[in-house]
Amino acid sequence: MANPSAPALPRPLAFGRHMASETLLGLLGHTESCLALIRAGPIASCDYRTAHMEDPAIAVEVTSHYARIAIATGWPIPTVILELLTCHVMDANPACTELAEWLEATGLLDLPPQANSH
C-alpha cells in the first residue's frame, strides 16, 4: 500500500506520442507556464512558439554535433540530446534510427529494446 504522506511522483510529460522530461520540453521552447499546464493534465494547446528542435533533421544535426565532441573528448552526449533523438527513433524516423544505431555501435547510446527491433 502506498504511503499517503509520501510526495507524489512527477507525471511524465508528452512529446508527440511519447513522454519527455521538462528539460527536453524546455529545449523545444516550452515556457514555465506551458510546463505548469502540462503538469496539470492533458491540454489542447499552450503558449509556446514552435521550436525547430521538433524537426527530426535538426535532431540529427544536433546529435551529430555532440557525437563528434564525445568522440573527440570522451565527454558524454548530453542526456537531453539523446532523449530528443530517442523520441524521434520511437516515432520511427529513419534518419534518427540510423544515427541511433550508429551511436549504439560506437557505445555512445543504449537504445531501448523496442527501438532496436525493426
PDB file of N, CA and C in Angstrom:
ATOM      1  N   MET A   1       0.834  -1.174   0.000  1.00  0.00           N
ATOM      2  CA  MET A   1       0.000   0.000   0.000  1.00  0.00           C
ATOM      3  C   MET A   1       0.880   1.238   0.000  1.00  0.00           C
ATOM      4  N   ALA A   2       0.549   2.224  -0.807  1.00  0.00           N
ATOM      5  CA  ALA A   2       1.341   3.439  -0.924  1.00  0.00           C
ATOM      6  C   ALA A   2       1.225   4.277   0.333  1.00  0.00           C
ATOM      7  N   ASN A   3       2.304   4.962   0.654  1.00  0.00           N
ATOM      8  CA  ASN A   3       2.334   5.845   1.808  1.00  0.00           C
ATOM      9  C   ASN A   3       1.639   7.152   1.430  1.00  0.00           C
ATOM     10  N   PRO A   4       0.503   7.506   2.083  1.00  0.00           N
ATOM     11  CA  PRO A   4      -0.224   8.715   1.684  1.00  0.00           C
ATOM     12  C   PRO A   4       0.544   9.991   1.971  1.00  0.00           C
ATOM     13  N   SER A   5       1.519   9.953   2.884  1.00  0.00           N
ATOM     14  CA  SER A   5       2.287  11.163   3.182  1.00  0.00           C
ATOM     15  C   SER A   5       3.501  11.312   2.281  1.00  0.00           C
ATOM     16  N   ALA A   6       3.783  10.309   1.451  1.00  0.00           N
ATOM     17  CA  ALA A   6       4.927  10.381   0.541  1.00  0.00           C
ATOM     18  C   ALA A   6       4.624  11.383  -0.564  1.00  0.00           C
ATOM     19  N   PRO A   7       5.651  12.127  -1.010  1.00  0.00           N
ATOM     20  CA  PRO A   7       5.405  13.082  -2.094  1.00  0.00           C
ATOM     21  C   PRO A   7       5.035  12.362  -3.381  1.00  0.00           C
ATOM     22  N   ALA A   8       4.162  12.983  -4.139  1.00  0.00           N
ATOM     23  CA  ALA A   8       3.721  12.394  -5.407  1.00  0.00           C
ATOM     24  C   ALA A   8       4.868  12.423  -6.407  1.00  0.00           C
ATOM     25  N   LEU A   9       4.967  11.382  -7.190  1.00  0.00           N
ATOM     26  CA  LEU A   9       5.980  11.341  -8.238  1.00  0.00           C
ATOM     27  C   LEU A   9       5.586  12.280  -9.367  1.00  0.00           C
ATOM     28  N   PRO A  10       6.564  12.918 -10.025  1.00  0.00           N
ATOM     29  CA  PRO A  10       6.214  13.807 -11.128  1.00  0.00           C
ATOM     30  C   PRO A  10       5.608  13.014 -12.279  1.00  0.00           C
ATOM     31  N   ARG A  11       4.586  13.580 -12.900  1.00  0.00           N
ATOM     32  CA  ARG A  11       3.945  12.931 -14.037  1.00  0.00           C
ATOM     33  C   ARG A  11       4.819  13.087 -15.265  1.00  0.00           C
ATOM     34  N   PRO A  12       4.897  12.057 -16.116  1.00  0.00           N
ATOM     35  CA  PRO A  12       5.653  12.218 -17.360  1.00  0.00           C
ATOM     36  C   PRO A  12       4.968  13.244 -18.254  1.00  0.00           C
ATOM     37  N   LEU A  13       5.738  13.906 -19.063  1.00  0.00           N
ATOM     38  CA  LEU A  13       5.224  14.949 -19.940  1.00  0.00           C
ATOM     39  C   LEU A  13       5.264  14.467 -21.379  1.00  0.00           C
ATOM     40  N   ALA A  14       4.338  14.937 -22.188  1.00  0.00           N
ATOM     41  CA  ALA A  14       4.185  14.434 -23.549  1.00  0.00           C
ATOM     42  C   ALA A  14       5.131  15.106 -24.527  1.00  0.00           C
ATOM     43  N   PHE A  15       5.653  14.332 -25.466  1.00  0.00           N
ATOM     44  CA  PHE A  15       6.391  14.804 -26.635  1.00  0.00           C
ATOM     45  C   PHE A  15       5.850  13.955 -27.768  1.00  0.00           C
ATOM     46  N   GLY A  16       5.028  14.536 -28.605  1.00  0.00           N
ATOM     47  CA  GLY A  16       4.373  13.722 -29.637  1.00  0.00           C
ATOM     48  C   GLY A  16       3.560  12.648 -28.945  1.00  0.00           C
ATOM     49  N   ARG A  17       3.812  11.402 -29.281  1.00  0.00           N
ATOM     50  CA  ARG A  17       3.091  10.298 -28.646  1.00  0.00           C
ATOM     51  C   ARG A  17       3.881   9.734 -27.469  1.00  0.00           C
ATOM     52  N   HIS A  18       5.041  10.315 -27.155  1.00  0.00           N
ATOM     53  CA  HIS A  18       5.942   9.755 -26.157  1.00  0.00           C
ATOM     54  C   HIS A  18       6.118  10.709 -24.991  1.00  0.00           C
ATOM     55  N   MET A  19       6.756  10.252 -23.953  1.00  0.00           N
ATOM     56  CA  MET A  19       6.966  11.056 -22.759  1.00  0.00           C
ATOM     57  C   MET A  19       8.326  11.755 -22.845  1.00  0.00           C
ATOM     58  N   ALA A  20       8.413  12.943 -22.273  1.00  0.00           N
ATOM     59  CA  ALA A  20       9.647  13.717 -22.320  1.00  0.00           C
ATOM     60  C   ALA A  20       9.874  14.401 -20.985  1.00  0.00           C
ATOM     61  N   SER A  21      11.127  14.706 -20.713  1.00  0.00           N
ATOM     62  CA  SER A  21      11.470  15.422 -19.491  1.00  0.00           C
ATOM     63  C   SER A  21      11.161  16.904 -19.650  1.00  0.00           C
ATOM     64  N   GLU A  22      11.101  17.588 -18.520  1.00  0.00           N
ATOM     65  CA  GLU A  22      10.899  19.030 -18.568  1.00  0.00           C
ATOM     66  C   GLU A  22      12.079  19.711 -19.253  1.00  0.00           C
ATOM     67  N   THR A  23      13.281  19.146 -19.121  1.00  0.00           N
ATOM     68  CA  THR A  23      14.456  19.712 -19.783  1.00  0.00           C
ATOM     69  C   THR A  23      14.283  19.685 -21.291  1.00  0.00           C
ATOM     70  N   LEU A  24      13.817  18.546 -21.817  1.00  0.00           N
ATOM     71  CA  LEU A  24      13.596  18.446 -23.260  1.00  0.00           C
ATOM     72  C   LEU A  24      12.499  19.399 -23.702  1.00  0.00           C
ATOM     73  N   LEU A  25      11.417  19.463 -22.962  1.00  0.00           N
ATOM     74  CA  LEU A  25      10.337  20.368 -23.346  1.00  0.00           C
ATOM     75  C   LEU A  25      10.809  21.821 -23.312  1.00  0.00           C
ATOM     76  N   GLY A  26      11.682  22.158 -22.378  1.00  0.00           N
ATOM     77  CA  GLY A  26      12.270  23.496 -22.350  1.00  0.00           C
ATOM     78  C   GLY A  26      13.129  23.741 -23.574  1.00  0.00           C
ATOM     79  N   LEU A  27      13.895  22.733 -23.986  1.00  0.00           N
ATOM     80  CA  LEU A  27      14.710  22.836 -25.192  1.00  0.00           C
ATOM     81  C   LEU A  27      13.838  23.048 -26.425  1.00  0.00           C
ATOM     82  N   LEU A  28      12.663  22.457 -26.417  1.00  0.00           N
ATOM     83  CA  LEU A  28      11.741  22.609 -27.539  1.00  0.00           C
ATOM     84  C   LEU A  28      11.049  23.966 -27.550  1.00  0.00           C
ATOM     85  N   GLY A  29      11.164  24.711 -26.441  1.00  0.00           N
ATOM     86  CA  GLY A  29      10.604  26.048 -26.414  1.00  0.00           C
ATOM     87  C   GLY A  29       9.469  26.266 -25.435  1.00  0.00           C
ATOM     88  N   HIS A  30       9.097  25.249 -24.681  1.00  0.00           N
ATOM     89  CA  HIS A  30       8.019  25.414 -23.706  1.00  0.00           C
ATOM     90  C   HIS A  30       8.481  26.323 -22.573  1.00  0.00           C
ATOM     91  N   THR A  31       7.596  27.202 -22.143  1.00  0.00           N
ATOM     92  CA  THR A  31       7.867  28.105 -21.028  1.00  0.00           C
ATOM     93  C   THR A  31       7.405  27.452 -19.728  1.00  0.00           C
ATOM     94  N   GLU A  32       7.701  28.078 -18.604  1.00  0.00           N
ATOM     95  CA  GLU A  32       7.261  27.552 -17.324  1.00  0.00           C
ATOM     96  C   GLU A  32       5.731  27.478 -17.257  1.00  0.00           C
ATOM     97  N   SER A  33       5.041  28.457 -17.871  1.00  0.00           N
ATOM     98  CA  SER A  33       3.576  28.399 -17.860  1.00  0.00           C
ATOM     99  C   SER A  33       3.065  27.203 -18.666  1.00  0.00           C
ATOM    100  N   CYS A  34       3.738  26.864 -19.761  1.00  0.00           N
ATOM    101  CA  CYS A  34       3.363  25.664 -20.528  1.00  0.00           C
ATOM    102  C   CYS A  34       3.562  24.415 -19.678  1.00  0.00           C
ATOM    103  N   LEU A  35       4.731  24.341 -19.014  1.00  0.00           N
ATOM    104  CA  LEU A  35       5.028  23.167 -18.198  1.00  0.00           C
ATOM    105  C   LEU A  35       4.002  23.018 -17.080  1.00  0.00           C
ATOM    106  N   ALA A  36       3.546  24.138 -16.514  1.00  0.00           N
ATOM    107  CA  ALA A  36       2.518  24.074 -15.472  1.00  0.00           C
ATOM    108  C   ALA A  36       1.222  23.501 -16.043  1.00  0.00           C
ATOM    109  N   LEU A  37       0.845  23.909 -17.259  1.00  0.00           N
ATOM    110  CA  LEU A  37      -0.353  23.362 -17.904  1.00  0.00           C
ATOM    111  C   LEU A  37      -0.184  21.873 -18.181  1.00  0.00           C
ATOM    112  N   ILE A  38       0.991  21.492 -18.649  1.00  0.00           N
ATOM    113  CA  ILE A  38       1.251  20.085 -18.963  1.00  0.00           C
ATOM    114  C   ILE A  38       1.210  19.251 -17.689  1.00  0.00           C
ATOM    115  N   ARG A  39       1.809  19.763 -16.595  1.00  0.00           N
ATOM    116  CA  ARG A  39       1.786  19.046 -15.319  1.00  0.00           C
ATOM    117  C   ARG A  39       0.359  18.846 -14.811  1.00  0.00           C
ATOM    118  N   ALA A  40      -0.527  19.797 -15.123  1.00  0.00           N
ATOM    119  CA  ALA A  40      -1.906  19.740 -14.636  1.00  0.00           C
ATOM    120  C   ALA A  40      -2.717  18.636 -15.319  1.00  0.00           C
ATOM    121  N   GLY A  41      -2.300  18.198 -16.497  1.00  0.00           N
ATOM    122  CA  GLY A  41      -3.030  17.144 -17.194  1.00  0.00           C
ATOM    123  C   GLY A  41      -3.099  17.431 -18.679  1.00  0.00           C
ATOM    124  N   PRO A  42      -3.896  16.649 -19.385  1.00  0.00           N
ATOM    125  CA  PRO A  42      -3.986  16.816 -20.838  1.00  0.00           C
ATOM    126  C   PRO A  42      -4.410  18.240 -21.213  1.00  0.00           C
ATOM    127  N   ILE A  43      -3.698  18.812 -22.170  1.00  0.00           N
ATOM    128  CA  ILE A  43      -4.028  20.157 -22.654  1.00  0.00           C
ATOM    129  C   ILE A  43      -4.134  20.123 -24.168  1.00  0.00           C
ATOM    130  N   ALA A  44      -4.922  21.020 -24.709  1.00  0.00           N
ATOM    131  CA  ALA A  44      -5.097  21.087 -26.157  1.00  0.00           C
ATOM    132  C   ALA A  44      -4.037  21.978 -26.786  1.00  0.00           C
ATOM    133  N   SER A  45      -3.592  22.999 -26.073  1.00  0.00           N
ATOM    134  CA  SER A  45      -2.577  23.899 -26.613  1.00  0.00           C
ATOM    135  C   SER A  45      -1.902  24.631 -25.470  1.00  0.00           C
ATOM    136  N   CYS A  46      -0.805  25.287 -25.785  1.00  0.00           N
ATOM    137  CA  CYS A  46      -0.105  26.095 -24.802  1.00  0.00           C
ATOM    138  C   CYS A  46       0.440  27.327 -25.514  1.00  0.00           C
ATOM    139  N   ASP A  47       1.151  28.156 -24.774  1.00  0.00           N
ATOM    140  CA  ASP A  47       1.578  29.437 -25.345  1.00  0.00           C
ATOM    141  C   ASP A  47       3.013  29.434 -25.877  1.00  0.00           C
ATOM    142  N   TYR A  48       3.585  28.267 -26.152  1.00  0.00           N
ATOM    143  CA  TYR A  48       4.963  28.275 -26.623  1.00  0.00           C
ATOM    144  C   TYR A  48       5.026  28.445 -28.136  1.00  0.00           C
ATOM    145  N   ARG A  49       6.119  29.043 -28.582  1.00  0.00           N
ATOM    146  CA  ARG A  49       6.362  29.139 -30.022  1.00  0.00           C
ATOM    147  C   ARG A  49       7.021  27.845 -30.473  1.00  0.00           C
ATOM    148  N   THR A  50       6.618  27.337 -31.601  1.00  0.00           N
ATOM    149  CA  THR A  50       7.173  26.083 -32.092  1.00  0.00           C
ATOM    150  C   THR A  50       8.680  26.209 -32.261  1.00  0.00           C
ATOM    151  N   ALA A  51       9.403  25.302 -31.659  1.00  0.00           N
ATOM    152  CA  ALA A  51      10.860  25.289 -31.765  1.00  0.00           C
ATOM    153  C   ALA A  51      11.264  24.352 -32.895  1.00  0.00           C
ATOM    154  N   HIS A  52      12.354  24.660 -33.524  1.00  0.00           N
ATOM    155  CA  HIS A  52      12.837  23.840 -34.632  1.00  0.00           C
ATOM    156  C   HIS A  52      13.361  22.487 -34.164  1.00  0.00           C
ATOM    157  N   MET A  53      13.542  22.316 -32.841  1.00  0.00           N
ATOM    158  CA  MET A  53      14.059  21.054 -32.332  1.00  0.00           C
ATOM    159  C   MET A  53      13.081  19.911 -32.563  1.00  0.00           C
ATOM    160  N   GLU A  54      11.828  20.202 -32.872  1.00  0.00           N
ATOM    161  CA  GLU A  54      10.866  19.142 -33.146  1.00  0.00           C
ATOM    162  C   GLU A  54      11.093  18.519 -34.525  1.00  0.00           C
ATOM    163  N   ASP A  55      11.877  19.180 -35.359  1.00  0.00           N
ATOM    164  CA  ASP A  55      12.194  18.672 -36.692  1.00  0.00           C
ATOM    165  C   ASP A  55      13.246  17.573 -36.557  1.00  0.00           C
ATOM    166  N   PRO A  56      12.971  16.355 -37.036  1.00  0.00           N
ATOM    167  CA  PRO A  56      13.947  15.275 -36.923  1.00  0.00           C
ATOM    168  C   PRO A  56      15.305  15.613 -37.551  1.00  0.00           C
ATOM    169  N   ALA A  57      15.324  16.401 -38.618  1.00  0.00           N
ATOM    170  CA  ALA A  57      16.595  16.762 -39.250  1.00  0.00           C
ATOM    171  C   ALA A  57      17.456  17.597 -38.304  1.00  0.00           C
ATOM    172  N   ILE A  58      16.826  18.472 -37.546  1.00  0.00           N
ATOM    173  CA  ILE A  58      17.567  19.268 -36.570  1.00  0.00           C
ATOM    174  C   ILE A  58      18.084  18.356 -35.462  1.00  0.00           C
ATOM    175  N   ALA A  59      17.255  17.399 -35.042  1.00  0.00           N
ATOM    176  CA  ALA A  59      17.680  16.455 -34.003  1.00  0.00           C
ATOM    177  C   ALA A  59      18.894  15.660 -34.471  1.00  0.00           C
ATOM    178  N   VAL A  60      18.908  15.252 -35.729  1.00  0.00           N
ATOM    179  CA  VAL A  60      20.051  14.515 -36.274  1.00  0.00           C
ATOM    180  C   VAL A  60      21.296  15.395 -36.254  1.00  0.00           C
ATOM    181  N   GLU A  61      21.176  16.635 -36.692  1.00  0.00           N
ATOM    182  CA  GLU A  61      22.339  17.522 -36.750  1.00  0.00           C
ATOM    183  C   GLU A  61      22.875  17.840 -35.361  1.00  0.00           C
ATOM    184  N   VAL A  62      21.986  18.163 -34.424  1.00  0.00           N
ATOM    185  CA  VAL A  62      22.426  18.492 -33.064  1.00  0.00           C
ATOM    186  C   VAL A  62      23.077  17.267 -32.416  1.00  0.00           C
ATOM    187  N   THR A  63      22.473  16.108 -32.583  1.00  0.00           N
ATOM    188  CA  THR A  63      23.046  14.887 -32.009  1.00  0.00           C
ATOM    189  C   THR A  63      24.391  14.570 -32.641  1.00  0.00           C
ATOM    190  N   SER A  64      24.510  14.746 -33.952  1.00  0.00           N
ATOM    191  CA  SER A  64      25.778  14.501 -34.641  1.00  0.00           C
ATOM    192  C   SER A  64      26.868  15.431 -34.116  1.00  0.00           C
ATOM    193  N   HIS A  65      26.499  16.685 -33.887  1.00  0.00           N
ATOM    194  CA  HIS A  65      27.444  17.655 -33.346  1.00  0.00           C
ATOM    195  C   HIS A  65      27.991  17.173 -31.996  1.00  0.00           C
ATOM    196  N   TYR A  66      27.083  16.775 -31.100  1.00  0.00           N
ATOM    197  CA  TYR A  66      27.518  16.305 -29.790  1.00  0.00           C
ATOM    198  C   TYR A  66      28.241  14.966 -29.874  1.00  0.00           C
ATOM    199  N   ALA A  67      27.908  14.133 -30.844  1.00  0.00           N
ATOM    200  CA  ALA A  67      28.613  12.859 -31.024  1.00  0.00           C
ATOM    201  C   ALA A  67      30.071  13.117 -31.418  1.00  0.00           C
ATOM    202  N   ARG A  68      30.289  14.084 -32.314  1.00  0.00           N
ATOM    203  CA  ARG A  68      31.671  14.421 -32.694  1.00  0.00           C
ATOM    204  C   ARG A  68      32.468  14.904 -31.485  1.00  0.00           C
ATOM    205  N   ILE A  69      31.839  15.721 -30.653  1.00  0.00           N
ATOM    206  CA  ILE A  69      32.501  16.196 -29.436  1.00  0.00           C
ATOM    207  C   ILE A  69      32.798  15.027 -28.503  1.00  0.00           C
ATOM    208  N   ALA A  70      31.833  14.120 -28.344  1.00  0.00           N
ATOM    209  CA  ALA A  70      32.002  12.961 -27.465  1.00  0.00           C
ATOM    210  C   ALA A  70      33.153  12.076 -27.933  1.00  0.00           C
ATOM    211  N   ILE A  71      33.245  11.870 -29.231  1.00  0.00           N
ATOM    212  CA  ILE A  71      34.319  11.035 -29.772  1.00  0.00           C
ATOM    213  C   ILE A  71      35.672  11.705 -29.562  1.00  0.00           C
ATOM    214  N   ALA A  72      35.732  13.016 -29.775  1.00  0.00           N
ATOM    215  CA  ALA A  72      36.998  13.743 -29.658  1.00  0.00           C
ATOM    216  C   ALA A  72      37.460  13.924 -28.213  1.00  0.00           C
ATOM    217  N   THR A  73      36.516  14.122 -27.300  1.00  0.00           N
ATOM    218  CA  THR A  73      36.887  14.473 -25.929  1.00  0.00           C
ATOM    219  C   THR A  73      36.622  13.380 -24.905  1.00  0.00           C
ATOM    220  N   GLY A  74      35.740  12.436 -25.248  1.00  0.00           N
ATOM    221  CA  GLY A  74      35.342  11.416 -24.282  1.00  0.00           C
ATOM    222  C   GLY A  74      34.210  11.866 -23.379  1.00  0.00           C
ATOM    223  N   TRP A  75      33.729  13.099 -23.558  1.00  0.00           N
ATOM    224  CA  TRP A  75      32.596  13.591 -22.771  1.00  0.00           C
ATOM    225  C   TRP A  75      31.324  12.934 -23.284  1.00  0.00           C
ATOM    226  N   PRO A  76      30.387  12.651 -22.409  1.00  0.00           N
ATOM    227  CA  PRO A  76      29.131  12.030 -22.866  1.00  0.00           C
ATOM    228  C   PRO A  76      28.252  13.030 -23.621  1.00  0.00           C
ATOM    229  N   ILE A  77      27.428  12.497 -24.486  1.00  0.00           N
ATOM    230  CA  ILE A  77      26.422  13.319 -25.166  1.00  0.00           C
ATOM    231  C   ILE A  77      25.391  13.714 -24.103  1.00  0.00           C
ATOM    232  N   PRO A  78      24.989  14.988 -24.035  1.00  0.00           N
ATOM    233  CA  PRO A  78      24.009  15.386 -23.021  1.00  0.00           C
ATOM    234  C   PRO A  78      22.740  14.533 -23.089  1.00  0.00           C
ATOM    235  N   THR A  79      22.242  14.180 -21.928  1.00  0.00           N
ATOM    236  CA  THR A  79      21.063  13.321 -21.823  1.00  0.00           C
ATOM    237  C   THR A  79      19.876  13.889 -22.584  1.00  0.00           C
ATOM    238  N   VAL A  80      19.669  15.196 -22.511  1.00  0.00           N
ATOM    239  CA  VAL A  80      18.509  15.797 -23.183  1.00  0.00           C
ATOM    240  C   VAL A  80      18.616  15.641 -24.702  1.00  0.00           C
ATOM    241  N   ILE A  81      19.825  15.653 -25.245  1.00  0.00           N
ATOM    242  CA  ILE A  81      20.011  15.462 -26.686  1.00  0.00           C
ATOM    243  C   ILE A  81      19.702  14.017 -27.053  1.00  0.00           C
ATOM    244  N   LEU A  82      20.174  13.071 -26.250  1.00  0.00           N
ATOM    245  CA  LEU A  82      19.860  11.660 -26.510  1.00  0.00           C
ATOM    246  C   LEU A  82      18.372  11.392 -26.357  1.00  0.00           C
ATOM    247  N   GLU A  83      17.734  12.076 -25.406  1.00  0.00           N
ATOM    248  CA  GLU A  83      16.292  11.917 -25.223  1.00  0.00           C
ATOM    249  C   GLU A  83      15.540  12.434 -26.444  1.00  0.00           C
ATOM    250  N   LEU A  84      15.981  13.574 -26.971  1.00  0.00           N
ATOM    251  CA  LEU A  84      15.358  14.131 -28.176  1.00  0.00           C
ATOM    252  C   LEU A  84      15.474  13.150 -29.339  1.00  0.00           C
ATOM    253  N   LEU A  85      16.670  12.621 -29.559  1.00  0.00           N
ATOM    254  CA  LEU A  85      16.873  11.653 -30.640  1.00  0.00           C
ATOM    255  C   LEU A  85      16.007  10.409 -30.418  1.00  0.00           C
ATOM    256  N   THR A  86      15.965   9.931 -29.187  1.00  0.00           N
ATOM    257  CA  THR A  86      15.195   8.726 -28.883  1.00  0.00           C
ATOM    258  C   THR A  86      13.706   8.922 -29.156  1.00  0.00           C
ATOM    259  N   CYS A  87      13.190  10.108 -28.866  1.00  0.00           N
ATOM    260  CA  CYS A  87      11.771  10.382 -29.165  1.00  0.00           C
ATOM    261  C   CYS A  87      11.504  10.226 -30.664  1.00  0.00           C
ATOM    262  N   HIS A  88      12.419  10.716 -31.492  1.00  0.00           N
ATOM    263  CA  HIS A  88      12.237  10.584 -32.941  1.00  0.00           C
ATOM    264  C   HIS A  88      12.445   9.138 -33.396  1.00  0.00           C
ATOM    265  N   VAL A  89      13.335   8.409 -32.715  1.00  0.00           N
ATOM    266  CA  VAL A  89      13.514   6.981 -33.026  1.00  0.00           C
ATOM    267  C   VAL A  89      12.224   6.237 -32.719  1.00  0.00           C
ATOM    268  N   MET A  90      11.603   6.572 -31.590  1.00  0.00           N
ATOM    269  CA  MET A  90      10.362   5.902 -31.210  1.00  0.00           C
ATOM    270  C   MET A  90       9.235   6.240 -32.185  1.00  0.00           C
ATOM    271  N   ASP A  91       9.348   7.372 -32.886  1.00  0.00           N
ATOM    272  CA  ASP A  91       8.388   7.725 -33.932  1.00  0.00           C
ATOM    273  C   ASP A  91       8.770   7.105 -35.277  1.00  0.00           C
ATOM    274  N   ALA A  92       9.807   6.258 -35.287  1.00  0.00           N
ATOM    275  CA  ALA A  92      10.270   5.518 -36.464  1.00  0.00           C
ATOM    276  C   ALA A  92      10.815   6.415 -37.561  1.00  0.00           C
ATOM    277  N   ASN A  93      11.462   7.514 -37.191  1.00  0.00           N
ATOM    278  CA  ASN A  93      12.101   8.344 -38.203  1.00  0.00           C
ATOM    279  C   ASN A  93      13.358   7.617 -38.677  1.00  0.00           C
ATOM    280  N   PRO A  94      13.488   7.337 -39.983  1.00  0.00           N
ATOM    281  CA  PRO A  94      14.608   6.522 -40.471  1.00  0.00           C
ATOM    282  C   PRO A  94      15.983   7.149 -40.226  1.00  0.00           C
ATOM    283  N   ALA A  95      16.132   8.441 -40.429  1.00  0.00           N
ATOM    284  CA  ALA A  95      17.439   9.077 -40.223  1.00  0.00           C
ATOM    285  C   ALA A  95      17.836   9.034 -38.751  1.00  0.00           C
ATOM    286  N   CYS A  96      16.884   9.295 -37.872  1.00  0.00           N
ATOM    287  CA  CYS A  96      17.170   9.253 -36.437  1.00  0.00           C
ATOM    288  C   CYS A  96      17.487   7.831 -35.997  1.00  0.00           C
ATOM    289  N   THR A  97      16.768   6.861 -36.555  1.00  0.00           N
ATOM    290  CA  THR A  97      17.023   5.462 -36.221  1.00  0.00           C
ATOM    291  C   THR A  97      18.416   5.047 -36.665  1.00  0.00           C
ATOM    292  N   GLU A  98      18.802   5.436 -37.866  1.00  0.00           N
ATOM    293  CA  GLU A  98      20.143   5.092 -38.367  1.00  0.00           C
ATOM    294  C   GLU A  98      21.231   5.722 -37.502  1.00  0.00           C
ATOM    295  N   LEU A  99      21.056   6.990 -37.144  1.00  0.00           N
ATOM    296  CA  LEU A  99      22.038   7.657 -36.286  1.00  0.00           C
ATOM    297  C   LEU A  99      22.094   6.987 -34.917  1.00  0.00           C
ATOM    298  N   ALA A 100      20.937   6.654 -34.349  1.00  0.00           N
ATOM    299  CA  ALA A 100      20.905   5.999 -33.042  1.00  0.00           C
ATOM    300  C   ALA A 100      21.591   4.639 -33.083  1.00  0.00           C
ATOM    301  N   GLU A 101      21.394   3.892 -34.153  1.00  0.00           N
ATOM    302  CA  GLU A 101      22.057   2.593 -34.277  1.00  0.00           C
ATOM    303  C   GLU A 101      23.571   2.766 -34.385  1.00  0.00           C
ATOM    304  N   TRP A 102      24.021   3.798 -35.099  1.00  0.00           N
ATOM    305  CA  TRP A 102      25.452   4.072 -35.189  1.00  0.00           C
ATOM    306  C   TRP A 102      25.999   4.468 -33.815  1.00  0.00           C
ATOM    307  N   LEU A 103      25.265   5.330 -33.097  1.00  0.00           N
ATOM    308  CA  LEU A 103      25.699   5.730 -31.759  1.00  0.00           C
ATOM    309  C   LEU A 103      25.766   4.522 -30.826  1.00  0.00           C
ATOM    310  N   GLU A 104      24.802   3.617 -30.971  1.00  0.00           N
ATOM    311  CA  GLU A 104      24.812   2.408 -30.149  1.00  0.00           C
ATOM    312  C   GLU A 104      26.034   1.548 -30.481  1.00  0.00           C
ATOM    313  N   ALA A 105      26.350   1.428 -31.764  1.00  0.00           N
ATOM    314  CA  ALA A 105      27.504   0.627 -32.181  1.00  0.00           C
ATOM    315  C   ALA A 105      28.820   1.218 -31.674  1.00  0.00           C
ATOM    316  N   THR A 106      28.870   2.543 -31.538  1.00  0.00           N
ATOM    317  CA  THR A 106      30.093   3.192 -31.042  1.00  0.00           C
ATOM    318  C   THR A 106      30.121   3.271 -29.521  1.00  0.00           C
ATOM    319  N   GLY A 107      29.039   2.831 -28.863  1.00  0.00           N
ATOM    320  CA  GLY A 107      28.993   2.841 -27.408  1.00  0.00           C
ATOM    321  C   GLY A 107      28.549   4.166 -26.801  1.00  0.00           C
ATOM    322  N   LEU A 108      28.010   5.055 -27.619  1.00  0.00           N
ATOM    323  CA  LEU A 108      27.574   6.361 -27.118  1.00  0.00           C
ATOM    324  C   LEU A 108      26.107   6.407 -26.733  1.00  0.00           C
ATOM    325  N   LEU A 109      25.363   5.343 -26.991  1.00  0.00           N
ATOM    326  CA  LEU A 109      23.927   5.315 -26.709  1.00  0.00           C
ATOM    327  C   LEU A 109      23.484   3.894 -26.450  1.00  0.00           C
ATOM    328  N   ASP A 110      22.614   3.727 -25.449  1.00  0.00           N
ATOM    329  CA  ASP A 110      21.952   2.447 -25.207  1.00  0.00           C
ATOM    330  C   ASP A 110      20.513   2.603 -25.631  1.00  0.00           C
ATOM    331  N   LEU A 111      20.124   1.951 -26.723  1.00  0.00           N
ATOM    332  CA  LEU A 111      18.750   2.047 -27.209  1.00  0.00           C
ATOM    333  C   LEU A 111      17.824   1.170 -26.396  1.00  0.00           C
ATOM    334  N   PRO A 112      16.585   1.654 -26.172  1.00  0.00           N
ATOM    335  CA  PRO A 112      15.592   0.773 -25.551  1.00  0.00           C
ATOM    336  C   PRO A 112      15.340  -0.419 -26.472  1.00  0.00           C
ATOM    337  N   PRO A 113      15.041  -1.602 -25.917  1.00  0.00           N
ATOM    338  CA  PRO A 113      14.848  -2.782 -26.767  1.00  0.00           C
ATOM    339  C   PRO A 113      13.815  -2.590 -27.868  1.00  0.00           C
ATOM    340  N   GLN A 114      12.692  -1.917 -27.604  1.00  0.00           N
ATOM    341  CA  GLN A 114      11.669  -1.767 -28.624  1.00  0.00           C
ATOM    342  C   GLN A 114      12.147  -0.857 -29.752  1.00  0.00           C
ATOM    343  N   ALA A 115      13.073   0.057 -29.499  1.00  0.00           N
ATOM    344  CA  ALA A 115      13.575   0.942 -30.551  1.00  0.00           C
ATOM    345  C   ALA A 115      14.557   0.203 -31.433  1.00  0.00           C
ATOM    346  N   ASN A 116      15.110  -0.890 -30.926  1.00  0.00           N
ATOM    347  CA  ASN A 116      16.126  -1.625 -31.651  1.00  0.00           C
ATOM    348  C   ASN A 116      15.548  -2.645 -32.608  1.00  0.00           C
ATOM    349  N   SER A 117      14.278  -2.977 -32.460  1.00  0.00           N
ATOM    350  CA  SER A 117      13.694  -4.001 -33.322  1.00  0.00           C
ATOM    351  C   SER A 117      12.951  -3.334 -34.479  1.00  0.00           C
ATOM    352  N   HIS A 118      13.238  -3.757 -35.688  1.00  0.00           N
ATOM    353  CA  HIS A 118      12.601  -3.169 -36.870  1.00  0.00           C
ATOM    354  C   HIS A 118      11.437  -4.029 -37.285  1.00  0.00           C
TER     355      HIS A 118
END
